[in-house]
Amino acid sequence: MIQVSSVSKSFGNIKAVKNVSFSIERGEIFGILGPNGAGKSTIVNILSTLVRSDQGDVIMDGINIRDHGDAVKLIIGVVPQEIALYDELSAVGNLMFWGGLYRIPKSELRANVQKTLEIVDLVNRKDDQIKTFSGGMKRRINIACSLLHQPKILLLDEPTVGVDPQNRNHIFELIEKLHQEGMTIIYTTHYMEEAERFCEKIAIIDVGQIIAQGTLKELRKFSGVKDLLTIKLADASHVTIDRITSENPSFRFDSASSSLKVECGNVGNDISLVVGRIQKSGGVIDRISTQGTNLEAVYLKLTGKELRD
């Protein structure tokens, strides 16, 4: 559906995107995860034809965007990071204006406006001026504007920044609905829990470069990050700890938490084996906590730093 090949873009001396390549299947949610300033929005701007890349090619639904930008605009919906609405117009007024840019016949456009207002659950506010809307409601109308021409591909650039929990849930439900209907979605974010929740494949980007990409399972394998068992012993004396760790070299004792830490390939499969080894070495377990490998652990391992805002 989408093929990005060796795309680069510089602004003066700043290399915003460096030799980026990825592919997206039809109906897939593809996440681009990285901090602010990593190059996410530049990639979205290139895909939406707002910015022309210095090199590389982008093919969207069989169309080369470099040669056929106008044709691409008809099949993509773009939700920019910055809200693009007119405060003095109503919700319907904004939707009619933005939909009119696609030259949709008036009768069809009115029907599409009603449908998108239902999708974003704001029919009851359709005649209110946008300036009376909360930030989260404005973002929902922003998304509605991108759906008026029934695009095949949706580009969402940080769609939940500054959004309250209630509106965030509305946006989440909308994304899940569009996904179920088969829409191809590109989702940029610096919120790991969102990328982990929605995205079937994720590209981790920093300083304009993709560090790794794939499913969470593939990223986990690539990073080498493992599940973690934390075991609190009833007796954490030096004698007991020394005996357990000497007989099980892969076990380590964390003095800060006074617990054993054991990395394992799959916590569900390995926990009974670990418990058995501790008991065989004379250890008495007080409690066990488990931590599966999440996207945050993978990101930290691959980048060596926390995800900054």
Protein backbone atom coordinates (compact mmCIF):
# COMPACT_ATOMS: atom_id res chain seq x y z
CA MET A 1 0.00 0.00 0.00
CA ILE A 2 2.78 2.46 0.97
CA GLN A 3 6.46 2.15 0.11
CA VAL A 4 8.96 4.73 1.39
CA SER A 5 12.44 4.25 -0.04
CA SER A 6 15.63 6.08 1.06
CA VAL A 7 13.89 9.39 1.80
CA SER A 8 15.97 12.31 3.11
CA LYS A 9 15.17 15.95 3.81
CA SER A 10 17.29 18.84 5.06
CA PHE A 11 16.36 22.36 6.07
CA GLY A 12 19.54 24.38 5.64
CA ASN A 13 22.19 22.65 7.72
CA ILE A 14 19.63 20.62 9.65
CA LYS A 15 19.12 17.06 8.43
CA ALA A 16 15.54 16.45 9.51
CA VAL A 17 15.14 13.01 7.87
CA LYS A 18 18.02 10.75 6.94
CA ASN A 19 17.66 7.85 4.50
CA VAL A 20 14.30 6.65 5.86
CA SER A 21 12.68 3.53 4.41
CA PHE A 22 9.61 1.54 5.43
CA SER A 23 6.61 -0.24 3.94
CA ILE A 24 3.00 -0.42 5.11
CA GLU A 25 0.42 -3.05 4.22
CA ARG A 26 -3.15 -2.17 3.29
CA GLY A 27 -5.36 -1.85 6.38
CA GLU A 28 -2.39 -1.66 8.76
CA ILE A 29 -1.75 0.84 11.55
CA PHE A 30 1.90 1.83 11.27
CA GLY A 31 3.38 3.77 14.17
CA ILE A 32 6.25 6.21 14.01
CA LEU A 33 7.55 6.59 17.57
CA GLY A 34 10.04 9.18 18.65
CA PRO A 35 10.60 12.36 20.66
CA ASN A 36 9.66 15.83 19.50
CA GLY A 37 12.17 16.96 16.90
CA ALA A 38 12.94 13.41 15.76
CA GLY A 39 11.56 13.93 12.24
CA LYS A 40 8.06 12.49 12.60
CA SER A 41 6.19 15.56 11.35
CA THR A 42 8.64 16.01 8.47
CA ILE A 43 7.86 12.47 7.32
CA VAL A 44 4.12 13.19 7.53
CA ASN A 45 4.61 16.42 5.56
CA ILE A 46 6.51 14.54 2.87
CA LEU A 47 3.85 11.83 2.64
CA SER A 48 1.10 14.46 2.41
CA THR A 49 3.04 16.30 -0.36
CA LEU A 50 3.40 19.48 1.73
CA VAL A 51 7.17 19.05 1.69
CA ARG A 52 9.24 17.65 -1.16
CA SER A 53 12.00 15.28 -0.15
CA ASP A 54 15.57 15.93 -1.26
CA GLN A 55 15.96 12.33 -2.34
CA GLY A 56 14.14 9.02 -2.28
CA ASP A 57 10.74 7.84 -3.46
CA VAL A 58 7.30 7.41 -1.91
CA ILE A 59 4.68 5.20 -3.57
CA MET A 60 1.15 5.36 -2.12
CA ASP A 61 -1.46 2.97 -3.51
CA GLY A 62 0.61 2.66 -6.67
CA ILE A 63 1.07 6.43 -7.10
CA ASN A 64 4.48 8.10 -7.01
CA ILE A 65 3.88 11.25 -4.97
CA ARG A 66 6.78 13.10 -6.57
CA ASP A 67 5.11 13.01 -9.99
CA HIS A 68 1.42 12.84 -9.06
CA GLY A 69 0.92 14.89 -5.91
CA ASP A 70 -2.62 15.98 -6.78
CA ALA A 71 -3.75 12.39 -7.28
CA VAL A 72 -2.28 11.39 -3.92
CA LYS A 73 -4.16 14.16 -2.11
CA LEU A 74 -7.45 12.56 -3.14
CA ILE A 75 -6.67 9.28 -1.38
CA ILE A 76 -5.13 10.58 1.85
CA GLY A 77 -6.58 12.32 4.88
CA VAL A 78 -4.20 14.39 6.98
CA VAL A 79 -4.63 15.33 10.64
CA PRO A 80 -1.85 17.81 11.42
CA GLN A 81 -0.31 18.24 14.85
CA GLU A 82 -1.49 21.86 14.90
CA ILE A 83 -5.27 22.31 14.87
CA ALA A 84 -6.40 23.75 11.50
CA LEU A 85 -9.88 25.17 12.08
CA TYR A 86 -11.59 28.56 11.88
CA ASP A 87 -12.71 29.62 15.35
CA GLU A 88 -15.51 31.90 14.15
CA LEU A 89 -17.15 29.17 12.06
CA SER A 90 -19.34 26.41 13.46
CA ALA A 91 -18.36 22.76 13.32
CA VAL A 92 -20.56 22.33 10.24
CA GLY A 93 -19.14 25.52 8.71
CA ASN A 94 -15.59 24.22 9.07
CA LEU A 95 -16.47 20.84 7.66
CA MET A 96 -18.30 22.36 4.68
CA PHE A 97 -15.34 24.68 4.01
CA TRP A 98 -12.63 22.00 4.16
CA GLY A 99 -14.77 19.46 2.32
CA GLY A 100 -15.42 22.02 -0.41
CA LEU A 101 -11.71 22.09 -1.20
CA TYR A 102 -12.13 18.54 -2.53
CA ARG A 103 -14.89 19.72 -4.85
CA ILE A 104 -17.35 17.25 -3.39
CA PRO A 105 -20.89 17.96 -4.68
CA LYS A 106 -22.89 19.92 -2.08
CA SER A 107 -25.53 17.26 -1.48
CA GLU A 108 -22.89 14.55 -1.06
CA LEU A 109 -20.78 16.81 1.13
CA ARG A 110 -23.70 17.56 3.47
CA ALA A 111 -24.27 13.83 3.88
CA ASN A 112 -20.55 13.29 4.56
CA VAL A 113 -20.52 16.11 7.11
CA GLN A 114 -23.40 14.51 9.01
CA LYS A 115 -21.69 11.12 8.89
CA THR A 116 -18.34 12.41 10.14
CA LEU A 117 -20.00 14.36 12.95
CA GLU A 118 -21.62 11.10 14.02
CA ILE A 119 -18.28 9.30 13.79
CA VAL A 120 -16.58 11.81 16.10
CA ASP A 121 -19.70 12.00 18.31
CA LEU A 122 -20.22 15.76 18.04
CA VAL A 123 -23.58 16.02 16.28
CA ASN A 124 -25.01 17.84 19.29
CA ARG A 125 -22.40 20.61 18.86
CA LYS A 126 -22.59 20.93 15.09
CA ASP A 127 -23.92 24.51 15.06
CA ASP A 128 -21.63 25.86 17.80
CA GLN A 129 -18.63 28.02 16.98
CA ILE A 130 -15.31 26.23 17.21
CA LYS A 131 -14.00 28.84 19.65
CA THR A 132 -16.43 27.41 22.23
CA PHE A 133 -14.94 23.90 21.90
CA SER A 134 -12.36 22.36 24.22
CA GLY A 135 -8.97 21.42 22.80
CA GLY A 136 -9.95 17.77 22.63
CA MET A 137 -13.20 18.51 20.81
CA LYS A 138 -11.31 20.66 18.30
CA ARG A 139 -9.01 17.71 17.61
CA ARG A 140 -12.02 15.49 16.99
CA ILE A 141 -13.39 18.00 14.46
CA ASN A 142 -9.89 18.17 12.94
CA ILE A 143 -10.06 14.42 12.41
CA ALA A 144 -13.57 14.72 10.96
CA CYS A 145 -12.24 17.20 8.36
CA SER A 146 -9.72 14.61 7.18
CA LEU A 147 -12.45 11.99 6.57
CA LEU A 148 -14.88 14.00 4.45
CA HIS A 149 -13.57 12.74 1.10
CA GLN A 150 -13.45 9.13 2.33
CA PRO A 151 -9.68 8.63 2.02
CA LYS A 152 -7.95 5.26 1.78
CA ILE A 153 -5.03 6.40 3.94
CA LEU A 154 -5.11 8.49 7.13
CA LEU A 155 -2.06 10.35 8.46
CA LEU A 156 -2.38 11.16 12.17
CA ASP A 157 0.39 13.41 13.51
CA GLU A 158 0.41 13.37 17.33
CA PRO A 159 -3.43 13.36 17.48
CA THR A 160 -3.73 13.32 21.28
CA VAL A 161 -1.25 16.03 22.31
CA GLY A 162 -2.86 18.23 24.96
CA VAL A 163 -6.08 16.21 24.97
CA ASP A 164 -7.99 15.44 28.17
CA PRO A 165 -8.71 11.76 29.06
CA GLN A 166 -12.34 11.82 27.93
CA ASN A 167 -11.57 13.20 24.48
CA ARG A 168 -8.53 10.93 24.22
CA ASN A 169 -10.83 7.94 24.69
CA HIS A 170 -13.13 9.28 21.96
CA ILE A 171 -10.12 9.51 19.62
CA PHE A 172 -8.96 6.01 20.57
CA GLU A 173 -12.40 4.56 19.83
CA LEU A 174 -12.48 6.39 16.49
CA ILE A 175 -9.08 5.02 15.46
CA GLU A 176 -10.13 1.50 16.38
CA LYS A 177 -13.34 1.88 14.37
CA LEU A 178 -11.49 3.14 11.29
CA HIS A 179 -9.02 0.27 11.62
CA GLN A 180 -11.84 -2.27 11.80
CA GLU A 181 -13.25 -0.77 8.61
CA GLY A 182 -9.94 -1.42 6.86
CA MET A 183 -8.38 2.03 6.68
CA THR A 184 -4.59 2.25 6.40
CA ILE A 185 -3.31 4.53 9.16
CA ILE A 186 0.05 6.16 9.86
CA TYR A 187 0.23 7.21 13.50
CA THR A 188 3.05 9.39 14.82
CA THR A 189 3.42 9.75 18.57
CA HIS A 190 5.84 10.14 21.44
CA TYR A 191 3.46 8.27 23.76
CA MET A 192 4.66 4.67 24.00
CA GLU A 193 1.40 3.32 25.41
CA GLU A 194 -0.46 4.61 22.35
CA ALA A 195 1.98 3.06 19.90
CA GLU A 196 1.82 -0.21 21.82
CA ARG A 197 -2.00 -0.15 21.91
CA PHE A 198 -2.73 0.59 18.25
CA CYS A 199 0.20 -0.12 15.99
CA GLU A 200 0.77 -3.46 14.33
CA LYS A 201 4.20 -2.30 13.25
CA ILE A 202 6.32 0.45 14.75
CA ALA A 203 9.30 2.43 13.47
CA ILE A 204 11.46 3.92 16.23
CA ILE A 205 12.98 7.18 15.03
CA ASP A 206 15.42 9.60 16.60
CA VAL A 207 17.46 12.46 15.16
CA GLY A 208 15.90 11.84 11.74
CA GLN A 209 16.89 8.17 11.48
CA ILE A 210 14.91 4.98 11.93
CA ILE A 211 16.74 2.92 14.53
CA ALA A 212 14.56 -0.17 14.25
CA GLN A 213 11.14 -1.19 12.94
CA GLY A 214 8.80 -4.14 13.04
CA THR A 215 6.15 -5.68 15.25
CA LEU A 216 6.66 -5.44 19.02
CA LYS A 217 7.73 -9.08 18.97
CA GLU A 218 10.30 -8.35 16.24
CA LEU A 219 11.55 -5.23 18.04
CA ARG A 220 11.87 -7.21 21.23
CA LYS A 221 13.93 -9.88 19.48
CA PHE A 222 16.09 -7.26 17.75
CA SER A 223 16.74 -5.37 20.99
CA GLY A 224 17.45 -8.46 23.05
CA VAL A 225 15.25 -7.21 25.89
CA LYS A 226 13.78 -9.98 28.04
CA ASP A 227 11.00 -10.42 30.59
CA LEU A 228 11.99 -9.85 34.20
CA LEU A 229 11.19 -11.74 37.40
CA THR A 230 11.74 -9.96 40.71
CA ILE A 231 11.86 -12.38 43.64
CA LYS A 232 11.75 -11.32 47.28
CA LEU A 233 13.12 -13.97 49.61
CA ALA A 234 12.00 -14.69 53.16
CA ASP A 235 15.70 -14.97 54.06
CA ALA A 236 17.99 -12.59 52.15
CA SER A 237 21.10 -13.29 54.19
CA HIS A 238 24.49 -13.25 52.48
CA VAL A 239 24.81 -17.00 52.90
CA THR A 240 21.49 -17.71 51.18
CA ILE A 241 22.05 -15.19 48.37
CA ASP A 242 25.61 -16.40 47.73
CA ARG A 243 24.45 -20.01 47.50
CA ILE A 244 21.59 -19.21 45.08
CA THR A 245 23.65 -16.96 42.78
CA SER A 246 26.65 -19.31 42.74
CA GLU A 247 24.45 -22.24 41.74
CA ASN A 248 22.50 -20.07 39.26
CA PRO A 249 24.96 -17.61 37.63
CA SER A 250 22.22 -15.93 35.54
CA PHE A 251 20.44 -14.80 38.72
CA ARG A 252 21.56 -11.45 40.14
CA PHE A 253 20.91 -9.88 43.49
CA ASP A 254 19.77 -6.27 43.54
CA SER A 255 20.88 -4.79 46.86
CA ALA A 256 18.70 -1.68 46.44
CA SER A 257 15.49 -3.75 46.49
CA SER A 258 16.96 -6.73 48.35
CA SER A 259 15.55 -8.96 45.62
CA LEU A 260 16.73 -11.46 43.06
CA LYS A 261 16.39 -10.34 39.45
CA VAL A 262 16.06 -13.00 36.78
CA GLU A 263 15.75 -12.26 33.06
CA CYS A 264 13.87 -14.85 31.02
CA GLY A 265 12.72 -15.34 27.46
CA ASN A 266 9.08 -15.78 28.42
CA VAL A 267 7.95 -15.17 31.98
CA GLY A 268 4.93 -17.46 31.64
CA ASN A 269 7.00 -20.40 30.50
CA ASP A 270 10.05 -19.87 32.73
CA ILE A 271 8.63 -18.88 36.10
CA SER A 272 8.17 -22.45 37.37
CA LEU A 273 11.74 -23.33 36.35
CA VAL A 274 13.14 -20.30 38.19
CA VAL A 275 11.09 -21.05 41.33
CA GLY A 276 12.33 -24.64 41.26
CA ARG A 277 15.97 -23.58 41.05
CA ILE A 278 15.62 -21.17 43.96
CA GLN A 279 13.96 -23.79 46.12
CA LYS A 280 16.61 -26.36 45.16
CA SER A 281 19.26 -23.91 46.33
CA GLY A 282 17.54 -23.58 49.69
CA GLY A 283 15.74 -20.29 49.10
CA VAL A 284 12.29 -19.57 50.54
CA ILE A 285 10.24 -17.22 48.34
CA ASP A 286 8.21 -14.48 49.99
CA ARG A 287 6.72 -12.93 46.83
CA ILE A 288 7.29 -12.67 43.09
CA SER A 289 6.53 -9.84 40.67
CA THR A 290 6.71 -10.13 36.92
CA GLN A 291 7.43 -7.58 34.22
CA GLY A 292 6.81 -8.45 30.60
CA THR A 293 8.77 -6.74 27.87
CA ASN A 294 6.96 -3.57 26.84
CA LEU A 295 7.76 -0.96 24.22
CA GLU A 296 9.37 1.33 26.78
CA ALA A 297 11.94 -1.30 27.69
CA VAL A 298 12.68 -1.93 24.01
CA TYR A 299 13.02 1.80 23.31
CA LEU A 300 15.39 2.33 26.22
CA LYS A 301 17.54 -0.60 25.12
CA LEU A 302 17.72 0.57 21.49
CA THR A 303 18.27 4.28 22.13
CA GLY A 304 19.94 4.26 25.51
CA LYS A 305 17.73 7.08 26.75
CA GLU A 306 14.26 7.89 27.94
CA LEU A 307 11.69 9.20 25.48
CA ARG A 308 11.86 12.96 25.91
CA ASP A 309 9.06 15.41 25.18
